[in-house]
Amino acid sequence: MTMQSEQALRDQVALATGRPQDGAPVLQLKGDASNRSYLRVGRWPDSHVVMVMPPGPHRSEEASKGSAPDELPFVNVHRYLDGLGVRVPRILRYDVPAAMMVLEDLGDVTFERALGNGSREELYGRAVDLLARMRAAAEARPDPRCLAFTRAFDEELYTWELHHFREYGLEAWSGKLMMTNGELVLIDFQDALQGPWQYDLVALLRDSYIELEPGLVDAMIDRWLAAYGRAAGGVPERGAFRRFFDLLTVQRKLKDAARFEFIHRVKKNSSFLPSIPASLRYARASMERLADDPDVVALREVAVRYVPELR
């Protein structure tokens, strides 16, 4: 990073906070798998995060339909979630021409890191309660102005994700929540869309970075159902709910494994490769639970020829 670009980041924070930032340190933060980058300006806790985005249309890197939205999805969905009372990072400034956004700095304690210093059951319980309340609130207060209500996990998107696994999982194989001051903060919502109840639960309980024991997963599914029932006034039937949870686990974890391979081969970032084995173990376990489903059996028979870890 050049001194000129560092000064541009300091200038953005100065405009957002009204305070001079001359000489404030600039630290590159570990990013996600997207094409955005994150930099901390200043010293924690008196610091801010600048999200630097690529120029051009606001389109998802994954499958999307139609033209790019007029408004940045992060801003659009942020406004909706904030209106629901969901804790999201505060946006202090968004400079559209510069493709930079100044955000509240939530610190370095990710949900994953917090698990090392606390009770898994307590922390996952709080996260599950948050997801259930958020789902019930969104169902009660839909807003067509929010991009999430114009997009859905439909057959076309599921097919794209399965073909993503075929391309980068079968044909080219290699072998997010924050905690701040004890509060759970939702940060990764820019690609939000309408999906089944179980999708967020699969993302949380089948995380490729943290493998949970089956008993805890069952307990958290029961907790979600109870929390959703309290918020929405009705509860889905558990057996069908769990079966679809397993189907989504197969779809999501095969896609995740392929995505990690894609990031390695196309983006030259190998940091996600260690998470592939856990993704495949989750998919295999769910395939075993769905051994009476002929479609899942047929998929597994094809997949194991190329990915023996699914055997």
C-alpha atoms as a PDB file:
ATOM      1  CA  MET A   1       0.000   0.000   0.000  1.00  0.00           C
ATOM      2  CA  THR A   2       1.369   3.380  -0.962  1.00  0.00           C
ATOM      3  CA  MET A   3       1.570   6.387   1.318  1.00  0.00           C
ATOM      4  CA  GLN A   4      -0.912   8.114  -0.983  1.00  0.00           C
ATOM      5  CA  SER A   5      -3.514   5.357  -0.552  1.00  0.00           C
ATOM      6  CA  GLU A   6      -2.961   5.284   3.212  1.00  0.00           C
ATOM      7  CA  GLN A   7      -3.578   9.010   3.348  1.00  0.00           C
ATOM      8  CA  ALA A   8      -6.772   8.557   1.331  1.00  0.00           C
ATOM      9  CA  LEU A   9      -7.997   6.100   3.967  1.00  0.00           C
ATOM     10  CA  ARG A  10      -7.118   8.512   6.769  1.00  0.00           C
ATOM     11  CA  ASP A  11      -8.957  11.281   4.939  1.00  0.00           C
ATOM     12  CA  GLN A  12     -12.090   9.131   4.681  1.00  0.00           C
ATOM     13  CA  VAL A  13     -12.057   8.445   8.412  1.00  0.00           C
ATOM     14  CA  ALA A  14     -11.419  12.121   9.176  1.00  0.00           C
ATOM     15  CA  LEU A  15     -14.458  13.094   7.090  1.00  0.00           C
ATOM     16  CA  ALA A  16     -16.579  10.454   8.820  1.00  0.00           C
ATOM     17  CA  THR A  17     -15.564  11.306  12.376  1.00  0.00           C
ATOM     18  CA  GLY A  18     -14.719  14.990  12.138  1.00  0.00           C
ATOM     19  CA  ARG A  19     -11.358  14.286  13.759  1.00  0.00           C
ATOM     20  CA  PRO A  20      -7.898  14.578  12.194  1.00  0.00           C
ATOM     21  CA  GLN A  21      -6.197  11.276  11.390  1.00  0.00           C
ATOM     22  CA  ASP A  22      -2.697  12.465  10.532  1.00  0.00           C
ATOM     23  CA  GLY A  23      -0.224   9.665  11.154  1.00  0.00           C
ATOM     24  CA  ALA A  24      -2.889   7.163  12.237  1.00  0.00           C
ATOM     25  CA  PRO A  25      -1.676   3.597  11.583  1.00  0.00           C
ATOM     26  CA  VAL A  26      -3.311   1.657   8.752  1.00  0.00           C
ATOM     27  CA  LEU A  27      -3.572  -2.121   9.156  1.00  0.00           C
ATOM     28  CA  GLN A  28      -4.762  -4.597   6.538  1.00  0.00           C
ATOM     29  CA  LEU A  29      -7.364  -6.884   8.101  1.00  0.00           C
ATOM     30  CA  LYS A  30      -8.004 -10.469   7.154  1.00  0.00           C
ATOM     31  CA  GLY A  31     -10.787 -10.418   4.607  1.00  0.00           C
ATOM     32  CA  ASP A  32     -13.339 -12.935   3.461  1.00  0.00           C
ATOM     33  CA  ALA A  33     -13.577 -14.743   0.159  1.00  0.00           C
ATOM     34  CA  SER A  34     -14.966 -11.715  -1.659  1.00  0.00           C
ATOM     35  CA  ASN A  35     -13.203  -9.048  -3.682  1.00  0.00           C
ATOM     36  CA  ARG A  36     -13.576  -6.453  -0.926  1.00  0.00           C
ATOM     37  CA  SER A  37     -10.703  -5.503   1.361  1.00  0.00           C
ATOM     38  CA  TYR A  38     -10.822  -4.163   4.914  1.00  0.00           C
ATOM     39  CA  LEU A  39      -8.365  -1.843   6.625  1.00  0.00           C
ATOM     40  CA  ARG A  40      -8.248  -0.563  10.197  1.00  0.00           C
ATOM     41  CA  VAL A  41      -7.361   3.105  10.565  1.00  0.00           C
ATOM     42  CA  GLY A  42      -6.222   4.124  14.040  1.00  0.00           C
ATOM     43  CA  ARG A  43      -5.628   2.115  17.191  1.00  0.00           C
ATOM     44  CA  TRP A  44      -8.344  -0.021  18.743  1.00  0.00           C
ATOM     45  CA  PRO A  45     -10.673   0.894  20.387  1.00  0.00           C
ATOM     46  CA  ASP A  46     -10.459   4.414  18.892  1.00  0.00           C
ATOM     47  CA  SER A  47     -10.265   3.034  15.372  1.00  0.00           C
ATOM     48  CA  HIS A  48     -12.495   2.570  12.348  1.00  0.00           C
ATOM     49  CA  VAL A  49     -12.664   0.084   9.522  1.00  0.00           C
ATOM     50  CA  VAL A  50     -12.602   1.163   5.878  1.00  0.00           C
ATOM     51  CA  MET A  51     -14.157  -1.260   3.417  1.00  0.00           C
ATOM     52  CA  VAL A  52     -12.618  -0.804  -0.026  1.00  0.00           C
ATOM     53  CA  MET A  53     -14.719  -2.125  -2.886  1.00  0.00           C
ATOM     54  CA  PRO A  54     -13.905  -2.732  -6.537  1.00  0.00           C
ATOM     55  CA  PRO A  55     -15.318  -0.121  -8.914  1.00  0.00           C
ATOM     56  CA  GLY A  56     -18.181  -0.952 -11.204  1.00  0.00           C
ATOM     57  CA  PRO A  57     -21.633  -2.555 -10.862  1.00  0.00           C
ATOM     58  CA  HIS A  58     -22.799  -3.852  -7.485  1.00  0.00           C
ATOM     59  CA  ARG A  59     -23.099  -7.491  -8.554  1.00  0.00           C
ATOM     60  CA  SER A  60     -22.538 -10.584  -6.466  1.00  0.00           C
ATOM     61  CA  GLU A  61     -19.496 -12.682  -7.354  1.00  0.00           C
ATOM     62  CA  GLU A  62     -21.715 -15.756  -7.268  1.00  0.00           C
ATOM     63  CA  ALA A  63     -24.816 -16.513  -9.289  1.00  0.00           C
ATOM     64  CA  SER A  64     -27.177 -13.593  -9.798  1.00  0.00           C
ATOM     65  CA  LYS A  65     -29.940 -12.698 -12.206  1.00  0.00           C
ATOM     66  CA  GLY A  66     -30.943  -9.473 -13.904  1.00  0.00           C
ATOM     67  CA  SER A  67     -29.035  -6.242 -14.003  1.00  0.00           C
ATOM     68  CA  ALA A  68     -26.836  -5.022 -11.162  1.00  0.00           C
ATOM     69  CA  PRO A  69     -28.783  -3.139  -8.458  1.00  0.00           C
ATOM     70  CA  ASP A  70     -28.663   0.635  -8.371  1.00  0.00           C
ATOM     71  CA  GLU A  71     -27.785   0.685  -4.674  1.00  0.00           C
ATOM     72  CA  LEU A  72     -24.940  -1.141  -2.973  1.00  0.00           C
ATOM     73  CA  PRO A  73     -26.514  -4.317  -1.495  1.00  0.00           C
ATOM     74  CA  PHE A  74     -24.613  -3.879   1.788  1.00  0.00           C
ATOM     75  CA  VAL A  75     -26.247  -0.462   2.286  1.00  0.00           C
ATOM     76  CA  ASN A  76     -29.669  -1.602   1.138  1.00  0.00           C
ATOM     77  CA  VAL A  77     -29.888  -4.703   3.339  1.00  0.00           C
ATOM     78  CA  HIS A  78     -28.159  -2.899   6.231  1.00  0.00           C
ATOM     79  CA  ARG A  79     -30.971  -0.313   6.284  1.00  0.00           C
ATOM     80  CA  TYR A  80     -33.631  -3.030   6.393  1.00  0.00           C
ATOM     81  CA  LEU A  81     -31.957  -5.090   9.133  1.00  0.00           C
ATOM     82  CA  ASP A  82     -31.313  -1.988  11.215  1.00  0.00           C
ATOM     83  CA  GLY A  83     -35.016  -1.182  10.936  1.00  0.00           C
ATOM     84  CA  LEU A  84     -35.844  -4.654  12.262  1.00  0.00           C
ATOM     85  CA  GLY A  85     -33.618  -4.009  15.293  1.00  0.00           C
ATOM     86  CA  VAL A  86     -30.884  -6.431  14.200  1.00  0.00           C
ATOM     87  CA  ARG A  87     -27.464  -5.329  15.435  1.00  0.00           C
ATOM     88  CA  VAL A  88     -25.327  -4.421  12.416  1.00  0.00           C
ATOM     89  CA  PRO A  89     -22.139  -2.305  12.155  1.00  0.00           C
ATOM     90  CA  ARG A  90     -22.739   1.433  12.044  1.00  0.00           C
ATOM     91  CA  ILE A  91     -22.037   3.021   8.656  1.00  0.00           C
ATOM     92  CA  LEU A  92     -20.291   6.340   9.252  1.00  0.00           C
ATOM     93  CA  ARG A  93     -19.574   7.336   5.651  1.00  0.00           C
ATOM     94  CA  TYR A  94     -20.014   5.910   2.172  1.00  0.00           C
ATOM     95  CA  ASP A  95     -18.020   7.581  -0.578  1.00  0.00           C
ATOM     96  CA  VAL A  96     -19.495   6.194  -3.794  1.00  0.00           C
ATOM     97  CA  PRO A  97     -16.949   7.648  -6.271  1.00  0.00           C
ATOM     98  CA  ALA A  98     -14.032   6.448  -4.129  1.00  0.00           C
ATOM     99  CA  ALA A  99     -15.709   3.037  -3.533  1.00  0.00           C
ATOM    100  CA  MET A 100     -14.893   3.304   0.190  1.00  0.00           C
ATOM    101  CA  MET A 101     -17.066   2.897   3.255  1.00  0.00           C
ATOM    102  CA  VAL A 102     -16.129   3.839   6.833  1.00  0.00           C
ATOM    103  CA  LEU A 103     -17.608   1.452   9.380  1.00  0.00           C
ATOM    104  CA  GLU A 104     -17.704   1.019  13.114  1.00  0.00           C
ATOM    105  CA  ASP A 105     -14.743  -1.107  14.204  1.00  0.00           C
ATOM    106  CA  LEU A 106     -16.099  -4.198  15.954  1.00  0.00           C
ATOM    107  CA  GLY A 107     -12.676  -5.412  17.051  1.00  0.00           C
ATOM    108  CA  ASP A 108     -11.051  -8.763  16.370  1.00  0.00           C
ATOM    109  CA  VAL A 109     -13.275 -11.185  18.304  1.00  0.00           C
ATOM    110  CA  THR A 110     -15.038 -13.258  15.692  1.00  0.00           C
ATOM    111  CA  PHE A 111     -17.720 -15.722  16.708  1.00  0.00           C
ATOM    112  CA  GLU A 112     -15.187 -18.494  16.092  1.00  0.00           C
ATOM    113  CA  ARG A 113     -12.646 -16.887  18.413  1.00  0.00           C
ATOM    114  CA  ALA A 114     -15.244 -16.249  21.122  1.00  0.00           C
ATOM    115  CA  LEU A 115     -16.003 -19.978  21.191  1.00  0.00           C
ATOM    116  CA  GLY A 116     -12.514 -20.589  22.550  1.00  0.00           C
ATOM    117  CA  ASN A 117     -13.247 -18.538  25.655  1.00  0.00           C
ATOM    118  CA  GLY A 118     -16.839 -19.384  26.376  1.00  0.00           C
ATOM    119  CA  SER A 119     -19.522 -22.039  26.411  1.00  0.00           C
ATOM    120  CA  ARG A 120     -20.306 -23.409  22.967  1.00  0.00           C
ATOM    121  CA  GLU A 121     -23.870 -24.172  23.970  1.00  0.00           C
ATOM    122  CA  GLU A 122     -24.434 -20.649  25.339  1.00  0.00           C
ATOM    123  CA  LEU A 123     -22.921 -18.849  22.351  1.00  0.00           C
ATOM    124  CA  TYR A 124     -24.570 -21.030  19.731  1.00  0.00           C
ATOM    125  CA  GLY A 125     -27.835 -20.690  21.619  1.00  0.00           C
ATOM    126  CA  ARG A 126     -27.641 -16.904  21.410  1.00  0.00           C
ATOM    127  CA  ALA A 127     -26.804 -17.080  17.717  1.00  0.00           C
ATOM    128  CA  VAL A 128     -29.688 -19.469  17.013  1.00  0.00           C
ATOM    129  CA  ASP A 129     -32.087 -17.213  18.929  1.00  0.00           C
ATOM    130  CA  LEU A 130     -30.903 -14.247  16.843  1.00  0.00           C
ATOM    131  CA  LEU A 131     -31.473 -16.105  13.563  1.00  0.00           C
ATOM    132  CA  ALA A 132     -34.926 -17.292  14.624  1.00  0.00           C
ATOM    133  CA  ARG A 133     -36.047 -13.820  15.747  1.00  0.00           C
ATOM    134  CA  MET A 134     -34.639 -12.237  12.591  1.00  0.00           C
ATOM    135  CA  ARG A 135     -36.440 -14.756  10.382  1.00  0.00           C
ATOM    136  CA  ALA A 136     -39.762 -14.252  12.164  1.00  0.00           C
ATOM    137  CA  ALA A 137     -39.404 -10.448  12.023  1.00  0.00           C
ATOM    138  CA  ALA A 138     -38.559 -10.516   8.300  1.00  0.00           C
ATOM    139  CA  GLU A 139     -41.580 -12.708   7.566  1.00  0.00           C
ATOM    140  CA  ALA A 140     -43.801 -10.330   9.522  1.00  0.00           C
ATOM    141  CA  ARG A 141     -42.360  -7.186   7.895  1.00  0.00           C
ATOM    142  CA  PRO A 142     -41.441  -7.879   4.258  1.00  0.00           C
ATOM    143  CA  ASP A 143     -40.237  -4.857   2.281  1.00  0.00           C
ATOM    144  CA  PRO A 144     -40.029  -4.966  -1.533  1.00  0.00           C
ATOM    145  CA  ARG A 145     -37.524  -2.083  -1.396  1.00  0.00           C
ATOM    146  CA  CYS A 146     -35.032  -4.431   0.282  1.00  0.00           C
ATOM    147  CA  LEU A 147     -33.008  -6.379  -2.269  1.00  0.00           C
ATOM    148  CA  ALA A 148     -33.305  -9.548  -0.203  1.00  0.00           C
ATOM    149  CA  PHE A 149     -37.018  -9.696  -1.087  1.00  0.00           C
ATOM    150  CA  THR A 150     -36.299  -9.514  -4.810  1.00  0.00           C
ATOM    151  CA  ARG A 151     -33.952 -12.526  -4.807  1.00  0.00           C
ATOM    152  CA  ALA A 152     -34.534 -16.120  -3.825  1.00  0.00           C
ATOM    153  CA  PHE A 153     -32.890 -19.520  -3.660  1.00  0.00           C
ATOM    154  CA  ASP A 154     -34.770 -20.971  -6.600  1.00  0.00           C
ATOM    155  CA  GLU A 155     -34.102 -23.962  -8.833  1.00  0.00           C
ATOM    156  CA  GLU A 156     -31.768 -21.954 -11.053  1.00  0.00           C
ATOM    157  CA  LEU A 157     -29.537 -20.903  -8.174  1.00  0.00           C
ATOM    158  CA  TYR A 158     -29.445 -24.383  -6.628  1.00  0.00           C
ATOM    159  CA  THR A 159     -28.506 -25.770 -10.047  1.00  0.00           C
ATOM    160  CA  TRP A 160     -25.714 -23.197 -10.404  1.00  0.00           C
ATOM    161  CA  GLU A 161     -24.290 -24.184  -7.030  1.00  0.00           C
ATOM    162  CA  LEU A 162     -24.385 -27.873  -7.899  1.00  0.00           C
ATOM    163  CA  HIS A 163     -22.606 -27.211 -11.195  1.00  0.00           C
ATOM    164  CA  HIS A 164     -20.081 -25.116  -9.284  1.00  0.00           C
ATOM    165  CA  PHE A 165     -19.315 -28.293  -7.315  1.00  0.00           C
ATOM    166  CA  ARG A 166     -19.104 -30.277 -10.542  1.00  0.00           C
ATOM    167  CA  GLU A 167     -16.646 -27.809 -12.069  1.00  0.00           C
ATOM    168  CA  TYR A 168     -14.401 -27.172  -9.068  1.00  0.00           C
ATOM    169  CA  GLY A 169     -15.211 -30.167  -6.876  1.00  0.00           C
ATOM    170  CA  LEU A 170     -15.240 -33.064  -9.334  1.00  0.00           C
ATOM    171  CA  GLU A 171     -13.232 -31.800 -12.297  1.00  0.00           C
ATOM    172  CA  ALA A 172     -10.502 -29.786 -10.553  1.00  0.00           C
ATOM    173  CA  TRP A 173     -10.050 -31.219  -7.073  1.00  0.00           C
ATOM    174  CA  SER A 174      -7.231 -30.256  -4.669  1.00  0.00           C
ATOM    175  CA  GLY A 175      -7.609 -32.120  -1.671  1.00  0.00           C
ATOM    176  CA  LYS A 176     -20.198 -14.509   9.316  1.00  0.00           C
ATOM    177  CA  LEU A 177     -20.983 -13.069  13.032  1.00  0.00           C
ATOM    178  CA  MET A 178     -18.717 -10.898  15.201  1.00  0.00           C
ATOM    179  CA  MET A 179     -18.624 -10.389  18.967  1.00  0.00           C
ATOM    180  CA  THR A 180     -18.131  -6.898  20.370  1.00  0.00           C
ATOM    181  CA  ASN A 181     -18.498  -6.112  24.066  1.00  0.00           C
ATOM    182  CA  GLY A 182     -20.293  -9.429  24.493  1.00  0.00           C
ATOM    183  CA  GLU A 183     -22.843  -8.567  21.798  1.00  0.00           C
ATOM    184  CA  LEU A 184     -23.482 -10.572  18.633  1.00  0.00           C
ATOM    185  CA  VAL A 185     -23.282  -8.395  15.518  1.00  0.00           C
ATOM    186  CA  LEU A 186     -24.363  -9.506  12.052  1.00  0.00           C
ATOM    187  CA  ILE A 187     -21.805  -8.459   9.413  1.00  0.00           C
ATOM    188  CA  ASP A 188     -22.098 -10.621   6.274  1.00  0.00           C
ATOM    189  CA  PHE A 189     -25.518  -9.830   4.827  1.00  0.00           C
ATOM    190  CA  GLN A 190     -24.938  -8.097   1.474  1.00  0.00           C
ATOM    191  CA  ASP A 191     -25.970 -11.192  -0.510  1.00  0.00           C
ATOM    192  CA  ALA A 192     -29.119 -11.778   1.564  1.00  0.00           C
ATOM    193  CA  LEU A 193     -32.057 -13.329  -0.268  1.00  0.00           C
ATOM    194  CA  GLN A 194     -35.207 -15.288   0.408  1.00  0.00           C
ATOM    195  CA  GLY A 195     -34.472 -18.877   1.275  1.00  0.00           C
ATOM    196  CA  PRO A 196     -35.769 -21.775   3.347  1.00  0.00           C
ATOM    197  CA  TRP A 197     -35.898 -21.619   7.137  1.00  0.00           C
ATOM    198  CA  GLN A 198     -32.983 -23.991   7.481  1.00  0.00           C
ATOM    199  CA  TYR A 199     -30.443 -22.176   5.312  1.00  0.00           C
ATOM    200  CA  ASP A 200     -29.049 -19.828   7.985  1.00  0.00           C
ATOM    201  CA  LEU A 201     -28.992 -22.705  10.460  1.00  0.00           C
ATOM    202  CA  VAL A 202     -26.913 -24.810   8.067  1.00  0.00           C
ATOM    203  CA  ALA A 203     -24.498 -21.893   7.657  1.00  0.00           C
ATOM    204  CA  LEU A 204     -24.137 -21.604  11.435  1.00  0.00           C
ATOM    205  CA  LEU A 205     -24.254 -25.229  12.607  1.00  0.00           C
ATOM    206  CA  ARG A 206     -22.413 -26.745   9.630  1.00  0.00           C
ATOM    207  CA  ASP A 207     -19.623 -24.184   9.591  1.00  0.00           C
ATOM    208  CA  SER A 208     -16.630 -25.581   7.713  1.00  0.00           C
ATOM    209  CA  TYR A 209     -14.252 -24.000  10.244  1.00  0.00           C
ATOM    210  CA  ILE A 210     -15.800 -25.480  13.415  1.00  0.00           C
ATOM    211  CA  GLU A 211     -17.176 -29.017  13.605  1.00  0.00           C
ATOM    212  CA  LEU A 212     -19.896 -29.526  16.201  1.00  0.00           C
ATOM    213  CA  GLU A 213     -20.856 -32.745  17.910  1.00  0.00           C
ATOM    214  CA  PRO A 214     -24.204 -34.187  16.707  1.00  0.00           C
ATOM    215  CA  GLY A 215     -25.895 -33.734  20.086  1.00  0.00           C
ATOM    216  CA  LEU A 216     -25.238 -29.998  20.095  1.00  0.00           C
ATOM    217  CA  VAL A 217     -26.533 -29.666  16.531  1.00  0.00           C
ATOM    218  CA  ASP A 218     -29.772 -31.447  17.507  1.00  0.00           C
ATOM    219  CA  ALA A 219     -30.143 -29.236  20.581  1.00  0.00           C
ATOM    220  CA  MET A 220     -29.648 -26.059  18.541  1.00  0.00           C
ATOM    221  CA  ILE A 221     -32.208 -27.166  15.937  1.00  0.00           C
ATOM    222  CA  ASP A 222     -34.712 -27.674  18.781  1.00  0.00           C
ATOM    223  CA  ARG A 223     -33.793 -24.279  20.194  1.00  0.00           C
ATOM    224  CA  TRP A 224     -34.349 -22.575  16.814  1.00  0.00           C
ATOM    225  CA  LEU A 225     -37.754 -24.197  16.497  1.00  0.00           C
ATOM    226  CA  ALA A 226     -38.702 -23.036  19.995  1.00  0.00           C
ATOM    227  CA  ALA A 227     -37.417 -19.484  19.456  1.00  0.00           C
ATOM    228  CA  TYR A 228     -39.121 -19.205  16.071  1.00  0.00           C
ATOM    229  CA  GLY A 229     -42.344 -20.532  17.563  1.00  0.00           C
ATOM    230  CA  ARG A 230     -42.280 -17.876  20.284  1.00  0.00           C
ATOM    231  CA  ALA A 231     -41.645 -15.106  17.756  1.00  0.00           C
ATOM    232  CA  ALA A 232     -43.908 -16.266  14.927  1.00  0.00           C
ATOM    233  CA  GLY A 233     -46.646 -18.112  16.767  1.00  0.00           C
ATOM    234  CA  GLY A 234     -46.223 -21.400  14.929  1.00  0.00           C
ATOM    235  CA  VAL A 235     -43.623 -24.173  14.683  1.00  0.00           C
ATOM    236  CA  PRO A 236     -42.714 -26.337  11.632  1.00  0.00           C
ATOM    237  CA  GLU A 237     -42.929 -30.100  12.068  1.00  0.00           C
ATOM    238  CA  ARG A 238     -39.547 -31.230  13.393  1.00  0.00           C
ATOM    239  CA  GLY A 239     -39.071 -34.377  11.292  1.00  0.00           C
ATOM    240  CA  ALA A 240     -39.596 -32.610   7.964  1.00  0.00           C
ATOM    241  CA  PHE A 241     -37.593 -29.630   9.192  1.00  0.00           C
ATOM    242  CA  ARG A 242     -34.603 -31.828  10.082  1.00  0.00           C
ATOM    243  CA  ARG A 243     -34.786 -33.756   6.815  1.00  0.00           C
ATOM    244  CA  PHE A 244     -34.625 -30.551   4.797  1.00  0.00           C
ATOM    245  CA  PHE A 245     -31.774 -29.360   7.045  1.00  0.00           C
ATOM    246  CA  ASP A 246     -29.813 -32.423   5.912  1.00  0.00           C
ATOM    247  CA  LEU A 247     -30.681 -31.867   2.244  1.00  0.00           C
ATOM    248  CA  LEU A 248     -29.464 -28.279   2.478  1.00  0.00           C
ATOM    249  CA  THR A 249     -26.326 -29.462   4.240  1.00  0.00           C
ATOM    250  CA  VAL A 250     -25.470 -31.660   1.248  1.00  0.00           C
ATOM    251  CA  GLN A 251     -26.103 -28.810  -1.193  1.00  0.00           C
ATOM    252  CA  ARG A 252     -24.370 -26.112   0.863  1.00  0.00           C
ATOM    253  CA  LYS A 253     -21.276 -28.059   1.878  1.00  0.00           C
ATOM    254  CA  LEU A 254     -20.594 -29.433  -1.605  1.00  0.00           C
ATOM    255  CA  LYS A 255     -20.895 -25.888  -2.896  1.00  0.00           C
ATOM    256  CA  ASP A 256     -18.616 -24.579  -0.112  1.00  0.00           C
ATOM    257  CA  ALA A 257     -15.941 -27.169  -0.875  1.00  0.00           C
ATOM    258  CA  ALA A 258     -16.063 -26.217  -4.540  1.00  0.00           C
ATOM    259  CA  ARG A 259     -15.976 -22.521  -3.693  1.00  0.00           C
ATOM    260  CA  PHE A 260     -12.816 -22.997  -1.621  1.00  0.00           C
ATOM    261  CA  GLU A 261     -11.224 -24.756  -4.591  1.00  0.00           C
ATOM    262  CA  PHE A 262     -12.351 -21.972  -6.918  1.00  0.00           C
ATOM    263  CA  ILE A 263     -10.781 -19.345  -4.645  1.00  0.00           C
ATOM    264  CA  HIS A 264      -7.551 -21.344  -4.626  1.00  0.00           C
ATOM    265  CA  ARG A 265      -7.345 -21.879  -8.380  1.00  0.00           C
ATOM    266  CA  VAL A 266      -8.847 -18.665  -9.731  1.00  0.00           C
ATOM    267  CA  LYS A 267      -8.021 -16.130  -7.018  1.00  0.00           C
ATOM    268  CA  LYS A 268      -4.714 -17.755  -6.008  1.00  0.00           C
ATOM    269  CA  ASN A 269      -5.773 -17.801  -2.350  1.00  0.00           C
ATOM    270  CA  SER A 270      -5.143 -21.167  -0.707  1.00  0.00           C
ATOM    271  CA  SER A 271      -6.121 -20.144   2.832  1.00  0.00           C
ATOM    272  CA  PHE A 272      -9.534 -21.840   2.592  1.00  0.00           C
ATOM    273  CA  LEU A 273      -8.254 -25.242   1.443  1.00  0.00           C
ATOM    274  CA  PRO A 274      -7.928 -26.634   5.023  1.00  0.00           C
ATOM    275  CA  SER A 275     -11.706 -26.253   5.394  1.00  0.00           C
ATOM    276  CA  ILE A 276     -12.528 -28.600   2.517  1.00  0.00           C
ATOM    277  CA  PRO A 277     -12.299 -31.868   4.539  1.00  0.00           C
ATOM    278  CA  ALA A 278     -14.827 -30.648   7.134  1.00  0.00           C
ATOM    279  CA  SER A 279     -17.198 -29.582   4.358  1.00  0.00           C
ATOM    280  CA  LEU A 280     -17.015 -33.050   2.839  1.00  0.00           C
ATOM    281  CA  ARG A 281     -17.493 -34.783   6.204  1.00  0.00           C
ATOM    282  CA  TYR A 282     -20.667 -32.769   6.776  1.00  0.00           C
ATOM    283  CA  ALA A 283     -21.950 -33.638   3.296  1.00  0.00           C
ATOM    284  CA  ARG A 284     -21.135 -37.330   3.746  1.00  0.00           C
ATOM    285  CA  ALA A 285     -22.875 -37.526   7.150  1.00  0.00           C
ATOM    286  CA  SER A 286     -26.001 -35.906   5.746  1.00  0.00           C
ATOM    287  CA  MET A 287     -25.945 -38.206   2.734  1.00  0.00           C
ATOM    288  CA  GLU A 288     -25.883 -41.144   5.136  1.00  0.00           C
ATOM    289  CA  ARG A 289     -28.885 -39.732   7.014  1.00  0.00           C
ATOM    290  CA  LEU A 290     -30.708 -39.448   3.666  1.00  0.00           C
ATOM    291  CA  ALA A 291     -29.883 -42.961   2.482  1.00  0.00           C
ATOM    292  CA  ASP A 292     -33.580 -43.547   1.682  1.00  0.00           C
ATOM    293  CA  ASP A 293     -33.629 -40.690  -0.851  1.00  0.00           C
ATOM    294  CA  PRO A 294     -32.892 -42.079  -4.346  1.00  0.00           C
ATOM    295  CA  ASP A 295     -31.754 -38.708  -5.682  1.00  0.00           C
ATOM    296  CA  VAL A 296     -29.201 -38.302  -2.896  1.00  0.00           C
ATOM    297  CA  VAL A 297     -28.035 -41.884  -3.379  1.00  0.00           C
ATOM    298  CA  ALA A 298     -27.576 -41.278  -7.119  1.00  0.00           C
ATOM    299  CA  LEU A 299     -25.652 -38.057  -6.468  1.00  0.00           C
ATOM    300  CA  ARG A 300     -23.367 -39.804  -4.007  1.00  0.00           C
ATOM    301  CA  GLU A 301     -22.677 -42.682  -6.399  1.00  0.00           C
ATOM    302  CA  VAL A 302     -21.429 -40.211  -9.011  1.00  0.00           C
ATOM    303  CA  ALA A 303     -19.548 -37.964  -6.582  1.00  0.00           C
ATOM    304  CA  VAL A 304     -17.541 -40.745  -4.870  1.00  0.00           C
ATOM    305  CA  ARG A 305     -15.903 -41.665  -8.189  1.00  0.00           C
ATOM    306  CA  TYR A 306     -14.067 -38.349  -8.054  1.00  0.00           C
ATOM    307  CA  VAL A 307     -14.177 -37.458  -4.353  1.00  0.00           C
ATOM    308  CA  PRO A 308     -13.498 -40.603  -2.301  1.00  0.00           C
ATOM    309  CA  GLU A 309     -13.977 -38.637   0.940  1.00  0.00           C
ATOM    310  CA  LEU A 310     -17.744 -38.870   0.309  1.00  0.00           C
ATOM    311  CA  ARG A 311     -17.704 -42.669   0.352  1.00  0.00           C
END
